[in-house]
Amino acid sequence: MTTTPSSSSSSPSSSPSSPSHLVLVETTPTAGFKIVSEALALGHEVTFVAHSLDPYLAAEGGEEALRTPTRLLTGVPTTDPGGLLDVIGTLHRKHPVHGLLALSEGHLPATAEVAEALGLPFESAAVMRRLRDKHAVREHLAAAGVPQPAFRQARTPEEAVAAAAEIGYPVVVKPADGFGSLHVGVANDAAEVAELAGAVAGARSYGRGVAGSGVALLEAYVPGPVVSCEMVTVDGTSTPYGCVDRLLAPAPHPVELGGCFPAELDDDVREAVERVVADALDAAGIRRAHTHTEVVLGPDGPQIIEINGRLIGGYVPTMINYVLGRNIYHDVIELALGGSPSPSPAQGVGCIRAITAPAPGVLAGIDAGAARSAPGTAEVMLHARPGQPVRPARNNFDRLGFLITTADTAAEARKAAEDAHALVRVTVEDAADAADATGAVGSADAAGVADATDAAEGAA
């Protein structure tokens, strides 16, 4: 199957009658600027506002990405509603703003407050603040009877240990306001809970101006495959694009290492997931947003892991665009401008795989030439720079790049991804003695990832 992602071509509903001015409040380095390119191709202006440009410049291709927007505003307090409103309000008076975009959880509440103040389309600030508090979301889901794991909140390691005893082991420990799999782990005993909760308590900054509360959320570990359901909600009605299955690193750091869209699910399972997610979004109060909801297919059926009030992150939208038959970024833009986008069926299957370091050290280079020319490969994106410290993935920020494959069937797309991934070579120089350690990335099977994770922990 030979496909290209939809880019400047757009469905009639997403083509504006006149150019508009969009403001993007922070984004993910490199990948997050794809929406800027799409907005410009549709004829819009885009102003990018950021607390600092350093995180973007640190990524491979960052300088080029930062040249994409129509204008840049830096030094902006992007998590402070009042400060952000001062900046965007001043901009609005000079260059009228028609829509706001935010692709990062930590910046959604402030962006929503600015949208309310300026009368622009966006999800309500109250809902966006709620989604930043995973415990508050859990309480809303519980009140509505939405299936989810047992949960407790803890402000200290001691409270966390007591909560884990109430829930029963194993338990998942995560920041109540975290993202990117930072400080998320599975604990099997009190000592592991205390260690993970201590890390959460000390996590008071997530970068790009986002502060952490230090509050931990503990959840019963539910065994089963994990999928995410991508939806768009307009006027309280949620419509699915489809599900993405997940390849996760094993405990204790279940980092997302890949996935395929649409997920290969039986119709009854897919329908159950979509129903549970729609109920969860309604319980959380979502009325107008793209959402990315993670679900575990447990022994008793689908259960909600968490709800994110934004488009799925990283390069996954690019993978989705290869098979969706429309550009999902166009839908995000349309929603931001007050429109009502409607998903279309997928045509074929796309898969994405993360490229990670085989051992801790300093990145010497990544050779992805063979993977780029492998059958089924649609795109390879590298965002790590030689010379930067690396380690086997313990959170989403440890991933060095991605590759995307497409095919007519899930089995073909998955095999193409595994084969291409096995051809990538990541060279890591030992920081202590400058000895080279070169390894194949491999197929990201559980055993290989577990070995790599153990190596990282042993060196920590």
Protein backbone atom coordinates (compact mmCIF):
# COMPACT_ATOMS: atom_id res chain seq x y z
CA MET A 1 0.00 0.00 0.00
CA THR A 2 1.55 3.29 -1.07
CA THR A 3 0.09 6.33 0.65
CA THR A 4 0.97 9.87 1.53
CA PRO A 5 -0.47 11.86 4.41
CA SER A 6 -3.12 14.44 3.61
CA SER A 7 -1.48 17.85 3.89
CA SER A 8 -2.50 21.00 2.10
CA SER A 9 -5.49 19.23 0.56
CA SER A 10 -8.47 19.50 2.86
CA SER A 11 -12.07 18.47 3.11
CA PRO A 12 -14.50 21.22 2.07
CA SER A 13 -15.63 21.77 5.66
CA SER A 14 -12.09 22.58 6.80
CA SER A 15 -11.35 25.12 4.07
CA PRO A 16 -11.93 28.59 5.50
CA SER A 17 -13.81 31.24 3.54
CA SER A 18 -11.08 33.71 4.49
CA PRO A 19 -7.63 33.46 6.11
CA SER A 20 -7.62 33.47 9.90
CA HIS A 21 -5.08 34.15 12.63
CA LEU A 22 -4.37 31.25 14.99
CA VAL A 23 -2.26 31.35 18.14
CA LEU A 24 -0.49 28.16 19.20
CA VAL A 25 0.36 28.11 22.91
CA GLU A 26 3.45 25.90 23.30
CA THR A 27 3.65 22.51 21.57
CA THR A 28 5.80 19.40 21.45
CA PRO A 29 9.30 19.91 20.02
CA THR A 30 9.50 19.34 16.25
CA ALA A 31 6.40 17.12 15.87
CA GLY A 32 4.11 19.78 17.30
CA PHE A 33 4.97 22.21 14.52
CA LYS A 34 3.30 20.04 11.89
CA ILE A 35 0.00 21.73 12.74
CA VAL A 36 1.66 25.08 12.00
CA SER A 37 2.64 23.91 8.53
CA GLU A 38 -0.87 22.67 7.89
CA ALA A 39 -2.44 25.94 9.06
CA LEU A 40 -0.13 27.93 6.81
CA ALA A 41 -0.96 25.64 3.86
CA LEU A 42 -4.64 26.42 4.47
CA GLY A 43 -3.84 30.13 4.20
CA HIS A 44 -3.85 31.06 7.89
CA GLU A 45 -1.37 33.05 9.95
CA VAL A 46 0.07 31.36 13.03
CA THR A 47 1.64 33.05 16.03
CA PHE A 48 3.59 30.71 18.30
CA VAL A 49 3.93 31.74 21.94
CA ALA A 50 6.33 30.02 24.32
CA HIS A 51 7.78 30.37 27.79
CA SER A 52 11.22 29.64 26.32
CA LEU A 53 12.52 28.46 22.97
CA ASP A 54 15.23 26.32 24.59
CA PRO A 55 13.25 23.02 24.61
CA TYR A 56 12.52 23.44 20.90
CA LEU A 57 16.06 24.42 19.94
CA ALA A 58 17.41 21.39 21.80
CA ALA A 59 15.61 19.01 19.42
CA GLU A 60 17.00 17.99 16.05
CA GLY A 61 15.31 20.20 13.46
CA GLY A 62 14.25 22.70 16.10
CA GLU A 63 15.71 25.74 14.36
CA GLU A 64 13.89 24.90 11.15
CA ALA A 65 10.63 24.23 13.00
CA LEU A 66 10.79 27.60 14.74
CA ARG A 67 11.06 29.32 11.37
CA THR A 68 7.66 27.91 10.40
CA PRO A 69 5.22 30.19 12.29
CA THR A 70 4.27 33.62 10.98
CA ARG A 71 5.59 35.16 14.19
CA LEU A 72 7.17 34.06 17.48
CA LEU A 73 6.58 35.45 20.94
CA THR A 74 8.88 34.15 23.65
CA GLY A 75 9.29 34.86 27.34
CA VAL A 76 5.51 34.41 27.68
CA PRO A 77 4.04 33.04 30.95
CA THR A 78 2.15 30.31 29.12
CA THR A 79 0.72 28.66 32.25
CA ASP A 80 -0.38 31.89 33.93
CA PRO A 81 -3.84 32.87 32.66
CA GLY A 82 -3.44 36.57 33.48
CA GLY A 83 0.03 36.90 32.00
CA LEU A 84 -0.92 34.89 28.91
CA LEU A 85 -4.01 37.04 28.41
CA ASP A 86 -1.93 40.20 28.61
CA VAL A 87 0.31 38.97 25.79
CA ILE A 88 -2.39 37.49 23.55
CA GLY A 89 -4.76 40.37 24.28
CA THR A 90 -2.13 42.86 23.12
CA LEU A 91 -1.50 40.74 20.03
CA HIS A 92 -5.26 40.52 19.42
CA ARG A 93 -5.57 44.29 19.27
CA LYS A 94 -2.84 44.52 16.61
CA HIS A 95 -3.57 41.28 14.72
CA PRO A 96 -7.08 40.00 15.52
CA VAL A 97 -6.97 36.40 16.77
CA HIS A 98 -9.64 34.00 15.48
CA GLY A 99 -8.65 30.78 17.23
CA LEU A 100 -6.37 29.29 19.89
CA LEU A 101 -4.49 25.99 19.71
CA ALA A 102 -2.85 24.06 22.56
CA LEU A 103 -1.47 20.52 22.24
CA SER A 104 0.06 20.19 25.71
CA GLU A 105 -1.93 19.33 28.86
CA GLY A 106 0.01 21.74 31.02
CA HIS A 107 -1.00 24.72 28.89
CA LEU A 108 -4.65 23.87 28.25
CA PRO A 109 -6.18 25.55 31.34
CA ALA A 110 -4.51 28.92 30.79
CA THR A 111 -5.29 28.80 27.06
CA ALA A 112 -8.93 28.03 27.83
CA GLU A 113 -9.14 31.03 30.16
CA VAL A 114 -7.72 33.30 27.46
CA ALA A 115 -10.26 31.91 24.98
CA GLU A 116 -13.10 32.68 27.39
CA ALA A 117 -11.83 36.22 27.96
CA LEU A 118 -11.55 36.89 24.21
CA GLY A 119 -14.77 35.08 23.26
CA LEU A 120 -12.99 32.48 21.13
CA PRO A 121 -14.08 28.84 20.55
CA PHE A 122 -12.51 26.44 23.05
CA GLU A 123 -13.41 23.94 25.75
CA SER A 124 -14.34 25.65 29.02
CA ALA A 125 -11.57 26.62 31.43
CA ALA A 126 -13.35 24.74 34.24
CA VAL A 127 -13.21 21.47 32.28
CA MET A 128 -9.60 21.99 31.25
CA ARG A 129 -8.61 22.62 34.88
CA ARG A 130 -10.48 19.46 35.87
CA LEU A 131 -8.61 17.38 33.30
CA ARG A 132 -5.30 18.53 34.79
CA ASP A 133 -6.35 16.90 38.09
CA LYS A 134 -6.53 13.17 37.44
CA HIS A 135 -8.01 12.54 40.88
CA ALA A 136 -10.85 15.00 40.22
CA VAL A 137 -11.56 13.24 36.91
CA ARG A 138 -11.63 9.89 38.71
CA GLU A 139 -14.21 11.26 41.15
CA HIS A 140 -16.43 12.48 38.30
CA LEU A 141 -16.18 9.11 36.56
CA ALA A 142 -16.99 7.30 39.80
CA ALA A 143 -20.07 9.46 40.34
CA ALA A 144 -21.28 8.60 36.83
CA GLY A 145 -20.55 4.88 37.18
CA VAL A 146 -17.94 4.81 34.41
CA PRO A 147 -15.71 1.68 34.63
CA GLN A 148 -12.25 2.50 35.98
CA PRO A 149 -9.62 1.09 38.37
CA ALA A 150 -9.87 1.61 42.12
CA PHE A 151 -7.95 4.77 43.07
CA ARG A 152 -6.63 6.85 45.96
CA GLN A 153 -4.81 10.18 46.26
CA ALA A 154 -1.67 10.65 48.35
CA ARG A 155 0.32 13.76 49.31
CA THR A 156 3.23 11.96 50.98
CA PRO A 157 5.02 8.63 50.51
CA GLU A 158 3.51 7.48 53.80
CA GLU A 159 -0.01 8.22 52.57
CA ALA A 160 0.83 6.44 49.34
CA VAL A 161 1.91 3.27 51.15
CA ALA A 162 -1.32 3.29 53.17
CA ALA A 163 -3.37 3.86 50.01
CA ALA A 164 -1.64 1.00 48.21
CA ALA A 165 -2.46 -1.34 51.09
CA GLU A 166 -6.13 -0.39 50.74
CA ILE A 167 -6.16 -0.91 46.97
CA GLY A 168 -4.03 -4.05 46.92
CA TYR A 169 -0.88 -4.81 44.91
CA PRO A 170 0.25 -4.26 42.26
CA VAL A 171 -0.58 -0.57 41.98
CA VAL A 172 0.18 2.15 39.46
CA VAL A 173 1.75 5.29 40.94
CA LYS A 174 1.63 8.51 38.92
CA PRO A 175 1.54 12.29 39.41
CA ALA A 176 -2.04 13.54 39.74
CA ASP A 177 -1.16 16.33 37.29
CA GLY A 178 1.55 14.69 35.21
CA PHE A 179 1.97 13.91 31.52
CA GLY A 180 4.41 12.23 29.17
CA SER A 181 4.69 9.15 31.44
CA LEU A 182 6.93 11.17 33.77
CA HIS A 183 7.31 9.49 37.18
CA VAL A 184 4.78 6.78 36.31
CA GLY A 185 5.51 3.29 37.57
CA VAL A 186 4.04 0.00 38.73
CA ALA A 187 4.79 -0.97 42.34
CA ASN A 188 4.62 -4.45 43.84
CA ASP A 189 5.38 -3.62 47.46
CA ALA A 190 5.52 -0.78 49.97
CA ALA A 191 9.15 0.06 49.29
CA GLU A 192 8.48 0.52 45.58
CA VAL A 193 5.41 2.64 46.32
CA ALA A 194 7.41 4.88 48.66
CA GLU A 195 10.15 5.33 46.07
CA LEU A 196 7.74 6.20 43.26
CA ALA A 197 5.64 8.47 45.46
CA GLY A 198 8.80 10.21 46.66
CA ALA A 199 9.74 10.92 43.06
CA VAL A 200 6.27 12.35 42.44
CA ALA A 201 6.50 14.52 45.56
CA GLY A 202 9.77 15.96 44.29
CA ALA A 203 8.47 16.61 40.77
CA ARG A 204 7.59 20.29 41.05
CA SER A 205 8.43 21.28 37.48
CA TYR A 206 7.60 19.63 34.17
CA GLY A 207 9.39 22.23 32.04
CA ARG A 208 8.00 24.93 29.75
CA GLY A 209 6.68 26.74 32.81
CA VAL A 210 4.45 23.85 33.99
CA ALA A 211 4.55 23.36 37.77
CA GLY A 212 3.80 20.08 39.53
CA SER A 213 1.70 19.72 42.66
CA GLY A 214 3.68 16.78 44.06
CA VAL A 215 0.41 14.88 44.66
CA ALA A 216 0.39 11.20 43.70
CA LEU A 217 -2.50 9.20 42.32
CA LEU A 218 -2.53 5.46 43.03
CA GLU A 219 -4.60 3.11 40.91
CA ALA A 220 -5.21 -0.61 40.92
CA TYR A 221 -3.15 -2.27 38.21
CA VAL A 222 -5.53 -3.79 35.68
CA PRO A 223 -3.93 -6.43 33.42
CA GLY A 224 -4.75 -6.32 29.75
CA PRO A 225 -3.92 -4.60 26.46
CA VAL A 226 -4.00 -0.81 26.40
CA VAL A 227 -5.58 1.18 23.59
CA SER A 228 -6.41 4.83 23.17
CA CYS A 229 -9.60 6.17 21.68
CA GLU A 230 -9.32 9.36 19.64
CA MET A 231 -12.49 11.44 19.55
CA VAL A 232 -13.80 14.86 18.67
CA THR A 233 -16.61 16.36 20.74
CA VAL A 234 -18.81 19.10 19.33
CA ASP A 235 -21.73 20.49 21.34
CA GLY A 236 -21.40 17.59 23.76
CA THR A 237 -21.61 14.86 21.10
CA SER A 238 -18.47 12.72 20.86
CA THR A 239 -17.54 10.98 17.60
CA PRO A 240 -14.62 8.52 17.29
CA TYR A 241 -11.84 8.59 14.73
CA GLY A 242 -10.85 5.16 15.94
CA CYS A 243 -8.57 3.43 18.42
CA VAL A 244 -4.79 3.18 18.54
CA ASP A 245 -3.32 0.05 20.07
CA ARG A 246 -0.24 0.35 22.25
CA LEU A 247 3.14 -1.29 22.52
CA LEU A 248 4.30 -0.55 26.07
CA ALA A 249 7.61 -1.14 27.78
CA PRO A 250 7.20 -3.57 30.68
CA ALA A 251 6.93 -2.45 34.30
CA PRO A 252 8.15 -0.56 36.16
CA HIS A 253 8.22 2.11 33.40
CA PRO A 254 5.37 1.46 30.92
CA VAL A 255 6.53 3.91 28.26
CA GLU A 256 4.66 3.95 24.96
CA LEU A 257 6.93 2.46 22.30
CA GLY A 258 4.51 2.28 19.41
CA GLY A 259 1.04 1.56 18.17
CA CYS A 260 -1.15 0.97 15.12
CA PHE A 261 -4.23 2.77 13.80
CA PRO A 262 -6.90 1.62 13.59
CA ALA A 263 -6.39 -0.92 16.34
CA GLU A 264 -7.21 -4.49 15.38
CA LEU A 265 -10.23 -5.04 17.65
CA ASP A 266 -13.32 -7.20 17.33
CA ASP A 267 -16.37 -5.08 16.56
CA ASP A 268 -17.97 -5.74 19.94
CA VAL A 269 -14.78 -4.74 21.78
CA ARG A 270 -14.34 -1.59 19.70
CA GLU A 271 -17.95 -0.61 20.26
CA ALA A 272 -17.58 -1.19 24.01
CA VAL A 273 -14.45 0.97 24.14
CA GLU A 274 -16.10 3.79 22.21
CA ARG A 275 -19.18 3.61 24.44
CA VAL A 276 -17.16 3.72 27.68
CA VAL A 277 -15.03 6.60 26.39
CA ALA A 278 -18.05 8.62 25.28
CA ASP A 279 -19.59 8.11 28.72
CA ALA A 280 -16.32 9.19 30.36
CA LEU A 281 -16.07 12.36 28.28
CA ASP A 282 -19.65 13.22 29.15
CA ALA A 283 -18.99 12.60 32.85
CA ALA A 284 -15.91 14.84 32.72
CA GLY A 285 -18.03 17.60 31.23
CA ILE A 286 -16.34 17.82 27.83
CA ARG A 287 -18.34 19.78 25.27
CA ARG A 288 -15.89 20.95 22.61
CA ALA A 289 -12.46 19.35 22.20
CA HIS A 290 -10.35 16.73 20.55
CA THR A 291 -9.58 14.12 23.19
CA HIS A 292 -7.12 11.31 23.64
CA THR A 293 -8.42 8.75 26.15
CA GLU A 294 -6.42 5.74 27.29
CA VAL A 295 -8.29 2.52 28.06
CA VAL A 296 -7.20 -0.87 29.41
CA LEU A 297 -9.04 -3.92 28.08
CA GLY A 298 -9.27 -5.66 31.42
CA PRO A 299 -10.80 -9.02 32.37
CA ASP A 300 -14.08 -7.25 33.21
CA GLY A 301 -14.16 -5.09 30.08
CA PRO A 302 -12.78 -1.67 29.12
CA GLN A 303 -11.72 0.63 31.96
CA ILE A 304 -10.61 4.26 31.69
CA ILE A 305 -6.95 4.95 32.43
CA GLU A 306 -7.00 8.69 31.79
CA ILE A 307 -8.49 11.45 29.65
CA ASN A 308 -6.40 14.05 27.86
CA GLY A 309 -8.17 17.12 26.51
CA ARG A 310 -6.12 17.42 23.36
CA LEU A 311 -5.10 15.59 20.20
CA ILE A 312 -2.94 12.49 20.63
CA GLY A 313 0.68 13.60 20.82
CA GLY A 314 3.99 13.26 19.08
CA TYR A 315 4.08 11.83 15.55
CA VAL A 316 1.01 9.65 16.03
CA PRO A 317 -1.23 12.18 14.19
CA THR A 318 1.17 11.91 11.25
CA MET A 319 0.74 8.13 11.29
CA ILE A 320 -3.04 8.55 11.48
CA ASN A 321 -2.99 10.97 8.54
CA TYR A 322 -1.44 8.33 6.29
CA VAL A 323 -4.54 6.15 6.55
CA LEU A 324 -7.37 8.44 7.65
CA GLY A 325 -8.27 9.86 4.26
CA ARG A 326 -8.21 13.37 5.74
CA ASN A 327 -5.76 15.44 7.76
CA ILE A 328 -6.60 15.34 11.45
CA TYR A 329 -4.69 18.60 12.01
CA HIS A 330 -7.19 20.29 9.68
CA ASP A 331 -9.95 19.10 11.99
CA VAL A 332 -8.16 20.58 15.02
CA ILE A 333 -7.82 23.88 13.17
CA GLU A 334 -11.45 23.78 12.08
CA LEU A 335 -12.61 23.17 15.66
CA ALA A 336 -10.45 26.04 16.91
CA LEU A 337 -12.11 28.35 14.40
CA GLY A 338 -15.60 27.40 15.50
CA GLY A 339 -16.33 24.65 12.98
CA SER A 340 -17.74 21.16 13.43
CA PRO A 341 -15.32 18.58 12.00
CA SER A 342 -16.52 15.03 11.40
CA PRO A 343 -14.19 11.99 11.27
CA SER A 344 -13.94 9.80 8.18
CA PRO A 345 -13.14 6.05 7.92
CA ALA A 346 -9.55 4.81 7.76
CA GLN A 347 -8.17 3.36 4.55
CA GLY A 348 -5.59 0.73 5.46
CA VAL A 349 -3.51 0.56 8.63
CA GLY A 350 -0.58 2.61 9.90
CA CYS A 351 1.93 1.68 12.59
CA ILE A 352 4.48 3.77 14.49
CA ARG A 353 7.53 2.62 16.46
CA ALA A 354 9.74 4.62 18.80
CA ILE A 355 13.51 4.60 18.38
CA THR A 356 15.26 4.33 21.73
CA ALA A 357 18.77 3.96 23.12
CA PRO A 358 20.06 0.42 23.77
CA ALA A 359 22.09 1.58 26.79
CA PRO A 360 22.72 4.71 28.86
CA GLY A 361 25.43 7.09 27.74
CA VAL A 362 25.98 9.80 25.13
CA LEU A 363 24.35 9.53 21.72
CA ALA A 364 26.95 9.14 18.97
CA GLY A 365 24.55 8.69 16.07
CA ILE A 366 21.49 7.01 14.59
CA ASP A 367 21.67 5.13 11.29
CA ALA A 368 18.16 4.79 9.89
CA GLY A 369 19.08 4.55 6.20
CA ALA A 370 18.10 0.91 5.81
CA ALA A 371 14.84 1.48 7.67
CA ARG A 372 13.89 4.39 5.39
CA SER A 373 14.10 2.18 2.31
CA ALA A 374 12.46 -0.89 3.90
CA PRO A 375 9.19 -2.13 2.38
CA GLY A 376 6.19 -0.37 3.86
CA THR A 377 8.11 2.47 5.48
CA ALA A 378 6.30 5.77 4.99
CA GLU A 379 8.45 8.10 7.07
CA VAL A 380 11.31 8.18 9.59
CA MET A 381 11.66 11.14 11.98
CA LEU A 382 14.70 11.65 14.19
CA HIS A 383 14.69 14.39 16.81
CA ALA A 384 17.66 13.48 19.01
CA ARG A 385 21.01 15.23 18.61
CA PRO A 386 24.39 13.48 18.72
CA GLY A 387 26.16 14.41 21.93
CA GLN A 388 23.08 14.45 24.13
CA PRO A 389 22.74 12.11 27.12
CA VAL A 390 20.46 9.15 26.43
CA ARG A 391 19.13 6.10 28.22
CA PRO A 392 16.66 3.30 27.53
CA ALA A 393 13.19 4.83 27.71
CA ARG A 394 11.87 5.51 31.19
CA ASN A 395 9.47 8.22 30.03
CA ASN A 396 8.24 9.61 26.72
CA PHE A 397 11.01 12.19 26.58
CA ASP A 398 13.65 9.45 26.28
CA ARG A 399 12.46 8.47 22.80
CA LEU A 400 14.93 9.48 20.09
CA GLY A 401 12.72 9.32 17.01
CA PHE A 402 10.01 7.36 15.26
CA LEU A 403 9.28 5.41 12.11
CA ILE A 404 5.92 4.94 10.41
CA THR A 405 4.79 2.10 8.18
CA THR A 406 1.57 1.56 6.24
CA ALA A 407 -0.13 -1.43 4.64
CA ASP A 408 -3.52 -2.76 3.64
CA THR A 409 -3.89 -4.92 6.75
CA ALA A 410 -2.89 -4.71 10.39
CA ALA A 411 -0.67 -7.80 10.16
CA GLU A 412 1.22 -6.38 7.18
CA ALA A 413 1.67 -2.93 8.72
CA ARG A 414 2.82 -4.42 12.03
CA LYS A 415 5.36 -6.72 10.37
CA ALA A 416 6.68 -3.85 8.26
CA ALA A 417 7.13 -1.78 11.42
CA GLU A 418 8.95 -4.57 13.23
CA ASP A 419 11.21 -5.28 10.25
CA ALA A 420 12.09 -1.61 9.68
CA HIS A 421 12.62 -1.02 13.40
CA ALA A 422 15.08 -3.90 13.54
CA LEU A 423 17.20 -2.15 10.87
CA VAL A 424 17.77 1.03 12.90
CA ARG A 425 21.16 1.29 14.57
CA VAL A 426 21.66 3.57 17.56
CA THR A 427 25.27 4.16 18.64
CA VAL A 428 25.82 5.19 22.24
CA GLU A 429 29.16 6.25 23.69
CA ASP A 430 29.75 5.37 27.31
CA ALA A 431 30.04 8.62 29.23
CA ALA A 432 32.59 7.18 31.67
CA ASP A 433 35.24 5.57 29.49
CA ALA A 434 34.22 6.69 25.96
CA ALA A 435 33.77 3.08 24.86
CA ASP A 436 31.26 2.71 22.03
CA ALA A 437 28.20 0.56 22.61
CA THR A 438 26.34 -0.04 19.36
CA GLY A 439 23.16 -2.11 19.21
CA ALA A 440 20.22 -2.76 16.95
CA VAL A 441 17.05 -1.18 18.16
CA GLY A 442 15.36 -4.47 17.39
CA SER A 443 11.65 -5.13 17.30
CA ALA A 444 10.97 -3.61 20.74
CA ASP A 445 9.85 -6.95 22.06
CA ALA A 446 9.21 -7.18 25.78
CA ALA A 447 12.41 -9.08 26.55
CA GLY A 448 14.65 -6.61 24.74
CA VAL A 449 13.02 -3.63 26.35
CA ALA A 450 13.23 -5.21 29.77
CA ASP A 451 16.96 -5.82 29.34
CA ALA A 452 17.51 -2.22 28.26
CA THR A 453 15.49 -0.88 31.17
CA ASP A 454 17.44 -2.99 33.61
CA ALA A 455 20.67 -1.58 32.16
CA ALA A 456 19.43 1.96 32.70
CA GLU A 457 18.38 1.26 36.26
CA GLY A 458 21.65 -0.41 37.02
CA ALA A 459 23.55 2.65 35.87
CA ALA A 460 21.27 5.10 37.72
